[in-house]
C-alpha atoms as a PDB file:
ATOM      1  CA  MET A   1      76.377 135.513 147.016  1.00  0.00           C
ATOM      2  CA  THR A   2      77.668 131.867 146.003  1.00  0.00           C
ATOM      3  CA  SER A   3      79.296 131.226 149.218  1.00  0.00           C
ATOM      4  CA  LYS A   4      76.049 131.904 151.264  1.00  0.00           C
ATOM      5  CA  PHE A   5      74.259 129.794 148.705  1.00  0.00           C
ATOM      6  CA  LEU A   6      76.717 126.951 149.176  1.00  0.00           C
ATOM      7  CA  SER A   7      76.606 127.064 152.830  1.00  0.00           C
ATOM      8  CA  ARG A   8      72.955 126.831 152.939  1.00  0.00           C
ATOM      9  CA  ARG A   9      73.072 123.698 150.620  1.00  0.00           C
ATOM     10  CA  ARG A  10      75.663 122.174 152.889  1.00  0.00           C
ATOM     11  CA  LEU A  11      73.459 122.791 156.022  1.00  0.00           C
ATOM     12  CA  LEU A  12      70.641 120.903 154.074  1.00  0.00           C
ATOM     13  CA  THR A  13      72.782 118.101 153.317  1.00  0.00           C
ATOM     14  CA  ALA A  14      74.115 117.621 156.850  1.00  0.00           C
ATOM     15  CA  GLY A  15      70.818 117.499 158.228  1.00  0.00           C
ATOM     16  CA  ALA A  16      69.210 115.058 155.838  1.00  0.00           C
ATOM     17  CA  VAL A  17      71.885 112.905 154.236  1.00  0.00           C
ATOM     18  CA  GLY A  18      71.349 110.183 156.887  1.00  0.00           C
ATOM     19  CA  VAL A  19      68.080 109.373 155.628  1.00  0.00           C
ATOM     20  CA  GLY A  20      69.013 109.866 151.753  1.00  0.00           C
ATOM     21  CA  ALA A  21      68.771 106.247 151.083  1.00  0.00           C
ATOM     22  CA  LEU A  22      65.069 105.957 152.068  1.00  0.00           C
ATOM     23  CA  ALA A  23      64.253 108.152 149.193  1.00  0.00           C
ATOM     24  CA  LEU A  24      65.423 105.896 146.443  1.00  0.00           C
ATOM     25  CA  GLY A  25      63.095 103.103 147.237  1.00  0.00           C
ATOM     26  CA  GLY A  26      59.895 105.437 146.879  1.00  0.00           C
ATOM     27  CA  LEU A  27      60.935 107.239 143.697  1.00  0.00           C
ATOM     28  CA  ASN A  28      60.047 106.163 140.155  1.00  0.00           C
ATOM     29  CA  ARG A  29      61.985 104.107 137.651  1.00  0.00           C
ATOM     30  CA  PHE A  30      63.999 107.133 136.553  1.00  0.00           C
ATOM     31  CA  LEU A  31      65.933 107.320 139.716  1.00  0.00           C
ATOM     32  CA  ILE A  32      67.669 103.940 138.970  1.00  0.00           C
ATOM     33  CA  ALA A  33      69.037 104.793 135.726  1.00  0.00           C
ATOM     34  CA  PRO A  34      72.846 104.603 135.443  1.00  0.00           C
ATOM     35  CA  ASN A  35      73.338 108.268 134.410  1.00  0.00           C
ATOM     36  CA  TYR A  36      71.162 109.174 137.430  1.00  0.00           C
ATOM     37  CA  LEU A  37      73.205 107.199 139.803  1.00  0.00           C
ATOM     38  CA  GLN A  38      76.408 108.873 138.488  1.00  0.00           C
ATOM     39  CA  ILE A  39      74.982 112.123 139.541  1.00  0.00           C
ATOM     40  CA  LEU A  40      74.079 110.736 142.968  1.00  0.00           C
ATOM     41  CA  GLU A  41      77.673 109.803 143.487  1.00  0.00           C
ATOM     42  CA  SER A  42      79.057 113.271 142.749  1.00  0.00           C
ATOM     43  CA  ALA A  43      79.437 115.808 145.834  1.00  0.00           C
ATOM     44  CA  GLU A  44      76.450 117.759 144.327  1.00  0.00           C
ATOM     45  CA  GLY A  45      74.569 114.349 144.251  1.00  0.00           C
ATOM     46  CA  LEU A  46      74.716 114.358 148.175  1.00  0.00           C
ATOM     47  CA  THR A  47      72.530 117.541 148.318  1.00  0.00           C
ATOM     48  CA  LEU A  48      70.267 116.185 145.493  1.00  0.00           C
ATOM     49  CA  ARG A  49      69.738 112.868 147.392  1.00  0.00           C
ATOM     50  CA  ALA A  50      69.247 114.743 150.786  1.00  0.00           C
ATOM     51  CA  GLN A  51      66.654 116.955 149.066  1.00  0.00           C
ATOM     52  CA  ARG A  52      64.921 114.041 147.501  1.00  0.00           C
ATOM     53  CA  ALA A  53      64.760 112.278 150.891  1.00  0.00           C
ATOM     54  CA  MET A  54      62.905 115.022 152.390  1.00  0.00           C
ATOM     55  CA  LEU A  55      60.552 115.386 149.339  1.00  0.00           C
ATOM     56  CA  ALA A  56      59.835 111.816 148.614  1.00  0.00           C
ATOM     57  CA  GLY A  57      56.209 111.298 147.422  1.00  0.00           C
ATOM     58  CA  GLN A  58      56.324 114.588 145.257  1.00  0.00           C
ATOM     59  CA  PRO A  59      54.904 116.958 147.997  1.00  0.00           C
ATOM     60  CA  LEU A  60      53.785 120.323 146.796  1.00  0.00           C
ATOM     61  CA  ALA A  61      55.615 123.633 147.477  1.00  0.00           C
ATOM     62  CA  ARG A  62      53.633 125.882 149.631  1.00  0.00           C
ATOM     63  CA  GLU A  63      50.736 127.680 147.981  1.00  0.00           C
ATOM     64  CA  PHE A  64      49.325 131.115 149.042  1.00  0.00           C
ATOM     65  CA  SER A  65      46.195 133.088 148.850  1.00  0.00           C
ATOM     66  CA  GLU A  66      45.651 136.180 146.743  1.00  0.00           C
ATOM     67  CA  ALA A  67      45.781 138.281 149.761  1.00  0.00           C
ATOM     68  CA  ASP A  68      49.529 137.142 149.891  1.00  0.00           C
ATOM     69  CA  LEU A  69      50.496 138.440 146.519  1.00  0.00           C
ATOM     70  CA  SER A  70      53.560 140.680 146.437  1.00  0.00           C
ATOM     71  CA  PRO A  71      52.859 144.215 145.465  1.00  0.00           C
ATOM     72  CA  ILE A  72      56.009 144.314 143.455  1.00  0.00           C
ATOM     73  CA  PHE A  73      57.413 141.203 141.683  1.00  0.00           C
ATOM     74  CA  LYS A  74      61.038 142.063 140.640  1.00  0.00           C
ATOM     75  CA  ALA A  75      61.967 141.220 137.183  1.00  0.00           C
ATOM     76  CA  ASN A  76      65.329 139.671 137.426  1.00  0.00           C
ATOM     77  CA  GLY A  77      68.165 138.722 134.733  1.00  0.00           C
ATOM     78  CA  THR A  78      67.082 139.586 131.265  1.00  0.00           C
ATOM     79  CA  VAL A  79      64.242 141.994 131.021  1.00  0.00           C
ATOM     80  CA  LEU A  80      64.192 142.814 127.272  1.00  0.00           C
ATOM     81  CA  PRO A  81      65.832 140.351 125.019  1.00  0.00           C
ATOM     82  CA  ASP A  82      67.601 142.276 122.234  1.00  0.00           C
ATOM     83  CA  THR A  83      68.188 139.471 119.640  1.00  0.00           C
ATOM     84  CA  ALA A  84      66.698 140.069 116.265  1.00  0.00           C
ATOM     85  CA  ALA A  85      64.576 137.058 116.331  1.00  0.00           C
ATOM     86  CA  CYS A  86      63.046 138.123 119.657  1.00  0.00           C
ATOM     87  CA  GLU A  87      62.499 141.637 118.650  1.00  0.00           C
ATOM     88  CA  ALA A  88      60.689 140.335 115.545  1.00  0.00           C
ATOM     89  CA  LEU A  89      58.438 138.230 117.782  1.00  0.00           C
ATOM     90  CA  MET A  90      57.762 141.043 120.139  1.00  0.00           C
ATOM     91  CA  ALA A  91      56.848 143.467 117.197  1.00  0.00           C
ATOM     92  CA  ASN A  92      54.056 141.053 116.245  1.00  0.00           C
ATOM     93  CA  ASP A  93      52.947 140.472 120.021  1.00  0.00           C
ATOM     94  CA  PHE A  94      54.418 136.955 119.653  1.00  0.00           C
ATOM     95  CA  ALA A  95      51.719 135.876 117.119  1.00  0.00           C
ATOM     96  CA  ASP A  96      54.303 134.037 115.285  1.00  0.00           C
ATOM     97  CA  TRP A  97      55.836 132.313 118.244  1.00  0.00           C
ATOM     98  CA  ARG A  98      55.869 128.428 118.622  1.00  0.00           C
ATOM     99  CA  LEU A  99      57.246 126.195 121.138  1.00  0.00           C
ATOM    100  CA  THR A 100      59.308 123.172 119.838  1.00  0.00           C
ATOM    101  CA  ILE A 101      59.320 119.872 121.638  1.00  0.00           C
ATOM    102  CA  ASP A 102      61.884 117.460 120.199  1.00  0.00           C
ATOM    103  CA  GLY A 103      64.805 115.307 121.149  1.00  0.00           C
ATOM    104  CA  MET A 104      64.176 111.985 122.643  1.00  0.00           C
ATOM    105  CA  VAL A 105      60.366 111.858 122.000  1.00  0.00           C
ATOM    106  CA  THR A 106      58.331 109.760 119.587  1.00  0.00           C
ATOM    107  CA  THR A 107      56.026 112.585 118.435  1.00  0.00           C
ATOM    108  CA  PRO A 108      57.976 115.979 118.121  1.00  0.00           C
ATOM    109  CA  ALA A 109      55.803 118.966 118.137  1.00  0.00           C
ATOM    110  CA  SER A 110      55.475 122.861 117.318  1.00  0.00           C
ATOM    111  CA  LEU A 111      52.826 124.294 119.478  1.00  0.00           C
ATOM    112  CA  SER A 112      51.407 127.930 119.033  1.00  0.00           C
ATOM    113  CA  MET A 113      50.204 129.801 122.304  1.00  0.00           C
ATOM    114  CA  ALA A 114      46.613 128.995 121.272  1.00  0.00           C
ATOM    115  CA  ASP A 115      47.633 125.342 121.212  1.00  0.00           C
ATOM    116  CA  LEU A 116      48.960 125.490 124.695  1.00  0.00           C
ATOM    117  CA  LYS A 117      45.891 127.322 126.040  1.00  0.00           C
ATOM    118  CA  ARG A 118      43.626 124.572 124.659  1.00  0.00           C
ATOM    119  CA  LEU A 119      45.443 122.011 127.035  1.00  0.00           C
ATOM    120  CA  PRO A 120      44.479 121.490 130.642  1.00  0.00           C
ATOM    121  CA  GLN A 121      45.691 124.310 132.668  1.00  0.00           C
ATOM    122  CA  ARG A 122      46.876 124.744 136.332  1.00  0.00           C
ATOM    123  CA  THR A 123      46.879 127.989 138.443  1.00  0.00           C
ATOM    124  CA  GLN A 124      49.188 128.266 141.503  1.00  0.00           C
ATOM    125  CA  ILE A 125      50.234 131.046 143.868  1.00  0.00           C
ATOM    126  CA  THR A 126      53.840 130.410 145.040  1.00  0.00           C
ATOM    127  CA  ARG A 127      56.885 132.094 146.291  1.00  0.00           C
ATOM    128  CA  HIS A 128      59.746 132.781 144.091  1.00  0.00           C
ATOM    129  CA  ASP A 129      63.205 132.648 145.928  1.00  0.00           C
ATOM    130  CA  CYS A 130      66.025 134.187 144.210  1.00  0.00           C
ATOM    131  CA  VAL A 131      69.739 132.995 144.982  1.00  0.00           C
ATOM    132  CA  GLU A 132      70.337 136.869 145.510  1.00  0.00           C
ATOM    133  CA  GLY A 133      68.267 136.730 148.635  1.00  0.00           C
ATOM    134  CA  TRP A 134      64.967 138.107 147.628  1.00  0.00           C
ATOM    135  CA  SER A 135      61.608 136.592 147.393  1.00  0.00           C
ATOM    136  CA  ALA A 136      58.216 137.444 145.905  1.00  0.00           C
ATOM    137  CA  ILE A 137      54.641 135.760 145.677  1.00  0.00           C
ATOM    138  CA  GLY A 138      52.957 135.504 142.341  1.00  0.00           C
ATOM    139  CA  LYS A 139      50.116 133.797 140.752  1.00  0.00           C
ATOM    140  CA  TRP A 140      50.781 131.619 137.775  1.00  0.00           C
ATOM    141  CA  THR A 141      48.669 129.891 135.110  1.00  0.00           C
ATOM    142  CA  GLY A 142      50.155 127.534 132.650  1.00  0.00           C
ATOM    143  CA  VAL A 143      50.350 124.027 131.199  1.00  0.00           C
ATOM    144  CA  PRO A 144      51.676 121.252 133.428  1.00  0.00           C
ATOM    145  CA  LEU A 145      54.814 119.978 131.930  1.00  0.00           C
ATOM    146  CA  GLY A 146      54.487 116.253 132.732  1.00  0.00           C
ATOM    147  CA  PRO A 147      51.263 115.629 130.724  1.00  0.00           C
ATOM    148  CA  LEU A 148      52.788 117.602 127.735  1.00  0.00           C
ATOM    149  CA  LEU A 149      55.849 115.298 127.900  1.00  0.00           C
ATOM    150  CA  GLN A 150      53.731 112.083 127.995  1.00  0.00           C
ATOM    151  CA  THR A 151      51.819 113.220 124.928  1.00  0.00           C
ATOM    152  CA  ALA A 152      55.211 113.753 123.086  1.00  0.00           C
ATOM    153  CA  GLY A 153      55.956 110.255 124.188  1.00  0.00           C
ATOM    154  CA  LEU A 154      59.359 109.772 125.991  1.00  0.00           C
ATOM    155  CA  ALA A 155      62.055 107.457 124.721  1.00  0.00           C
ATOM    156  CA  PRO A 156      63.139 104.738 127.324  1.00  0.00           C
ATOM    157  CA  ASN A 157      66.354 106.354 127.867  1.00  0.00           C
ATOM    158  CA  ALA A 158      65.212 109.909 128.120  1.00  0.00           C
ATOM    159  CA  ARG A 159      66.642 111.322 131.346  1.00  0.00           C
ATOM    160  CA  PHE A 160      66.722 115.148 131.402  1.00  0.00           C
ATOM    161  CA  VAL A 161      64.473 118.095 130.030  1.00  0.00           C
ATOM    162  CA  VAL A 162      66.273 121.098 128.660  1.00  0.00           C
ATOM    163  CA  PHE A 163      64.850 124.517 128.093  1.00  0.00           C
ATOM    164  CA  HIS A 164      66.292 126.636 125.415  1.00  0.00           C
ATOM    165  CA  CYS A 165      65.646 130.224 125.603  1.00  0.00           C
ATOM    166  CA  ALA A 166      65.591 133.359 123.435  1.00  0.00           C
ATOM    167  CA  ASP A 167      67.583 135.735 125.651  1.00  0.00           C
ATOM    168  CA  ASP A 168      71.281 136.075 124.911  1.00  0.00           C
ATOM    169  CA  LEU A 169      73.397 137.078 127.923  1.00  0.00           C
ATOM    170  CA  GLY A 170      76.804 136.699 126.529  1.00  0.00           C
ATOM    171  CA  GLY A 171      76.801 136.642 122.675  1.00  0.00           C
ATOM    172  CA  GLY A 172      76.908 133.613 120.555  1.00  0.00           C
ATOM    173  CA  ALA A 173      75.893 129.988 121.314  1.00  0.00           C
ATOM    174  CA  ASN A 174      77.379 129.992 124.650  1.00  0.00           C
ATOM    175  CA  GLY A 175      75.488 133.192 125.672  1.00  0.00           C
ATOM    176  CA  LEU A 176      71.962 131.892 125.115  1.00  0.00           C
ATOM    177  CA  TYR A 177      70.123 131.030 128.243  1.00  0.00           C
ATOM    178  CA  TYR A 178      69.187 127.504 128.860  1.00  0.00           C
ATOM    179  CA  GLU A 179      68.247 125.442 131.805  1.00  0.00           C
ATOM    180  CA  SER A 180      67.402 121.798 132.575  1.00  0.00           C
ATOM    181  CA  VAL A 181      65.698 119.548 135.189  1.00  0.00           C
ATOM    182  CA  ASP A 182      65.345 115.824 135.527  1.00  0.00           C
ATOM    183  CA  LEU A 183      62.306 113.806 134.840  1.00  0.00           C
ATOM    184  CA  VAL A 184      61.396 113.779 138.705  1.00  0.00           C
ATOM    185  CA  ASP A 185      60.985 117.588 138.777  1.00  0.00           C
ATOM    186  CA  ALA A 186      59.681 117.536 135.147  1.00  0.00           C
ATOM    187  CA  PHE A 187      56.724 115.537 136.303  1.00  0.00           C
ATOM    188  CA  HIS A 188      56.091 117.292 139.452  1.00  0.00           C
ATOM    189  CA  PRO A 189      52.446 118.673 139.449  1.00  0.00           C
ATOM    190  CA  GLN A 190      53.579 122.134 140.175  1.00  0.00           C
ATOM    191  CA  THR A 191      56.048 122.288 137.295  1.00  0.00           C
ATOM    192  CA  ILE A 192      54.254 124.290 134.665  1.00  0.00           C
ATOM    193  CA  LEU A 193      54.865 126.319 131.424  1.00  0.00           C
ATOM    194  CA  ALA A 194      53.326 129.749 132.615  1.00  0.00           C
ATOM    195  CA  HIS A 195      51.982 131.982 130.138  1.00  0.00           C
ATOM    196  CA  THR A 196      49.865 134.252 132.749  1.00  0.00           C
ATOM    197  CA  MET A 197      51.157 136.001 135.851  1.00  0.00           C
ATOM    198  CA  ASN A 198      48.673 137.586 138.136  1.00  0.00           C
ATOM    199  CA  ASP A 199      45.673 136.994 135.721  1.00  0.00           C
ATOM    200  CA  ALA A 200      47.468 138.918 132.999  1.00  0.00           C
ATOM    201  CA  PRO A 201      49.383 137.756 129.906  1.00  0.00           C
ATOM    202  CA  LEU A 202      52.995 137.391 130.960  1.00  0.00           C
ATOM    203  CA  LYS A 203      55.060 140.597 130.445  1.00  0.00           C
ATOM    204  CA  VAL A 204      58.262 140.525 128.729  1.00  0.00           C
ATOM    205  CA  ALA A 205      60.330 141.420 131.582  1.00  0.00           C
ATOM    206  CA  HIS A 206      58.934 138.328 133.354  1.00  0.00           C
ATOM    207  CA  GLY A 207      59.578 136.054 130.329  1.00  0.00           C
ATOM    208  CA  ALA A 208      56.925 136.335 127.751  1.00  0.00           C
ATOM    209  CA  PRO A 209      55.476 134.520 126.049  1.00  0.00           C
ATOM    210  CA  LEU A 210      56.212 131.488 128.236  1.00  0.00           C
ATOM    211  CA  ARG A 211      58.391 130.635 131.127  1.00  0.00           C
ATOM    212  CA  LEU A 212      59.163 127.545 133.337  1.00  0.00           C
ATOM    213  CA  ARG A 213      57.802 127.404 136.865  1.00  0.00           C
ATOM    214  CA  VAL A 214      59.691 124.674 138.823  1.00  0.00           C
ATOM    215  CA  GLU A 215      58.520 125.624 142.295  1.00  0.00           C
ATOM    216  CA  ARG A 216      60.857 123.525 144.559  1.00  0.00           C
ATOM    217  CA  GLN A 217      63.952 124.996 142.983  1.00  0.00           C
ATOM    218  CA  LEU A 218      65.552 128.589 143.130  1.00  0.00           C
ATOM    219  CA  GLY A 219      64.733 131.265 140.613  1.00  0.00           C
ATOM    220  CA  TYR A 220      67.615 130.833 138.184  1.00  0.00           C
ATOM    221  CA  LYS A 221      66.090 127.525 137.193  1.00  0.00           C
ATOM    222  CA  HIS A 222      62.792 129.235 136.173  1.00  0.00           C
ATOM    223  CA  ALA A 223      63.847 129.753 132.645  1.00  0.00           C
ATOM    224  CA  LYS A 224      62.156 132.661 130.687  1.00  0.00           C
ATOM    225  CA  TYR A 225      61.506 133.437 127.020  1.00  0.00           C
ATOM    226  CA  LEU A 226      61.030 129.586 126.137  1.00  0.00           C
ATOM    227  CA  MET A 227      61.577 128.529 122.584  1.00  0.00           C
ATOM    228  CA  ARG A 228      62.367 124.862 122.667  1.00  0.00           C
ATOM    229  CA  ILE A 229      62.075 121.969 125.010  1.00  0.00           C
ATOM    230  CA  GLU A 230      64.602 119.229 124.175  1.00  0.00           C
ATOM    231  CA  VAL A 231      64.463 115.716 125.932  1.00  0.00           C
ATOM    232  CA  VAL A 232      67.828 114.243 126.245  1.00  0.00           C
ATOM    233  CA  GLU A 233      69.789 111.222 127.848  1.00  0.00           C
ATOM    234  CA  SER A 234      72.928 113.298 129.010  1.00  0.00           C
ATOM    235  CA  LEU A 235      73.512 117.053 129.563  1.00  0.00           C
ATOM    236  CA  ALA A 236      77.295 116.565 128.570  1.00  0.00           C
ATOM    237  CA  ASN A 237      76.776 118.207 124.907  1.00  0.00           C
ATOM    238  CA  ILE A 238      74.340 121.009 125.904  1.00  0.00           C
ATOM    239  CA  GLY A 239      76.121 124.405 126.499  1.00  0.00           C
ATOM    240  CA  ARG A 240      79.267 123.629 128.455  1.00  0.00           C
ATOM    241  CA  GLY A 241      77.820 120.434 129.855  1.00  0.00           C
ATOM    242  CA  ASN A 242      76.794 121.486 133.354  1.00  0.00           C
ATOM    243  CA  GLY A 243      73.087 121.689 132.733  1.00  0.00           C
ATOM    244  CA  GLY A 244      72.316 125.434 132.622  1.00  0.00           C
ATOM    245  CA  PHE A 245      73.554 128.923 131.801  1.00  0.00           C
ATOM    246  CA  TRP A 246      74.627 129.755 135.283  1.00  0.00           C
ATOM    247  CA  GLU A 247      75.695 126.255 136.193  1.00  0.00           C
ATOM    248  CA  ASP A 248      78.208 126.630 133.320  1.00  0.00           C
ATOM    249  CA  ARG A 249      79.509 129.562 135.213  1.00  0.00           C
ATOM    250  CA  GLY A 250      79.646 127.969 138.723  1.00  0.00           C
ATOM    251  CA  TYR A 251      76.201 127.600 140.043  1.00  0.00           C
ATOM    252  CA  GLU A 252      74.935 124.217 141.274  1.00  0.00           C
ATOM    253  CA  TRP A 253      72.733 122.170 138.811  1.00  0.00           C
ATOM    254  CA  TYR A 254      70.255 121.284 141.584  1.00  0.00           C
ATOM    255  CA  ALA A 255      68.845 124.332 143.268  1.00  0.00           C
ATOM    256  CA  GLY A 256      66.263 122.648 145.509  1.00  0.00           C
ATOM    257  CA  ILE A 257      64.661 124.730 148.360  1.00  0.00           C
END
């Protein structure tokens, strides 16, 4: 599975790295930060740079019509978190759940689902592509992440957004699922915190009460069971330092499609 994924990514790099430098001039100030340039200089950074070159200007991932919705949308990864905290939230239909936003922000927040639903919403019908090779089209409604971060107020040296989740895949702190994106993907208009799928409240198997949708990346980046959003300057001290649960186990941090 991983070898096919890496081959696909190498093909992307080979086809686009020649125009990689062109992307740097058209992106925002976050791309010229020293930490970001260190990432670009790594082997994985070649893929990231090539992808950014083709996607300069924040183009949208393809959106579909309701006629295109998949009859079955596979629930992958954890489908029923079994931690005590998550079981308590599910028993109360998530009435006590809150989303924490903290880290390098000027105004930390603790938001209920009602708080989130009072904010401007976005609905999009997109295709979910899994690294395992399957795809499905679903309809998602949620809060655009970028404006939410703007409201929290980013510190000047903020570089990454880390999503801490409730599902425990391996026991202990190193088993808790987490993911991260840079500020370019965080502020993409299709990056949303989704609470609704196919016009119904998100089911537990699909990440209730809230999950990330980052439509230009593969499925393992779409973190489920969100509990906390942490804004950081570096990923080095989060988990094992590679930017995500699966990245700590050999997957690539940038999973662009």
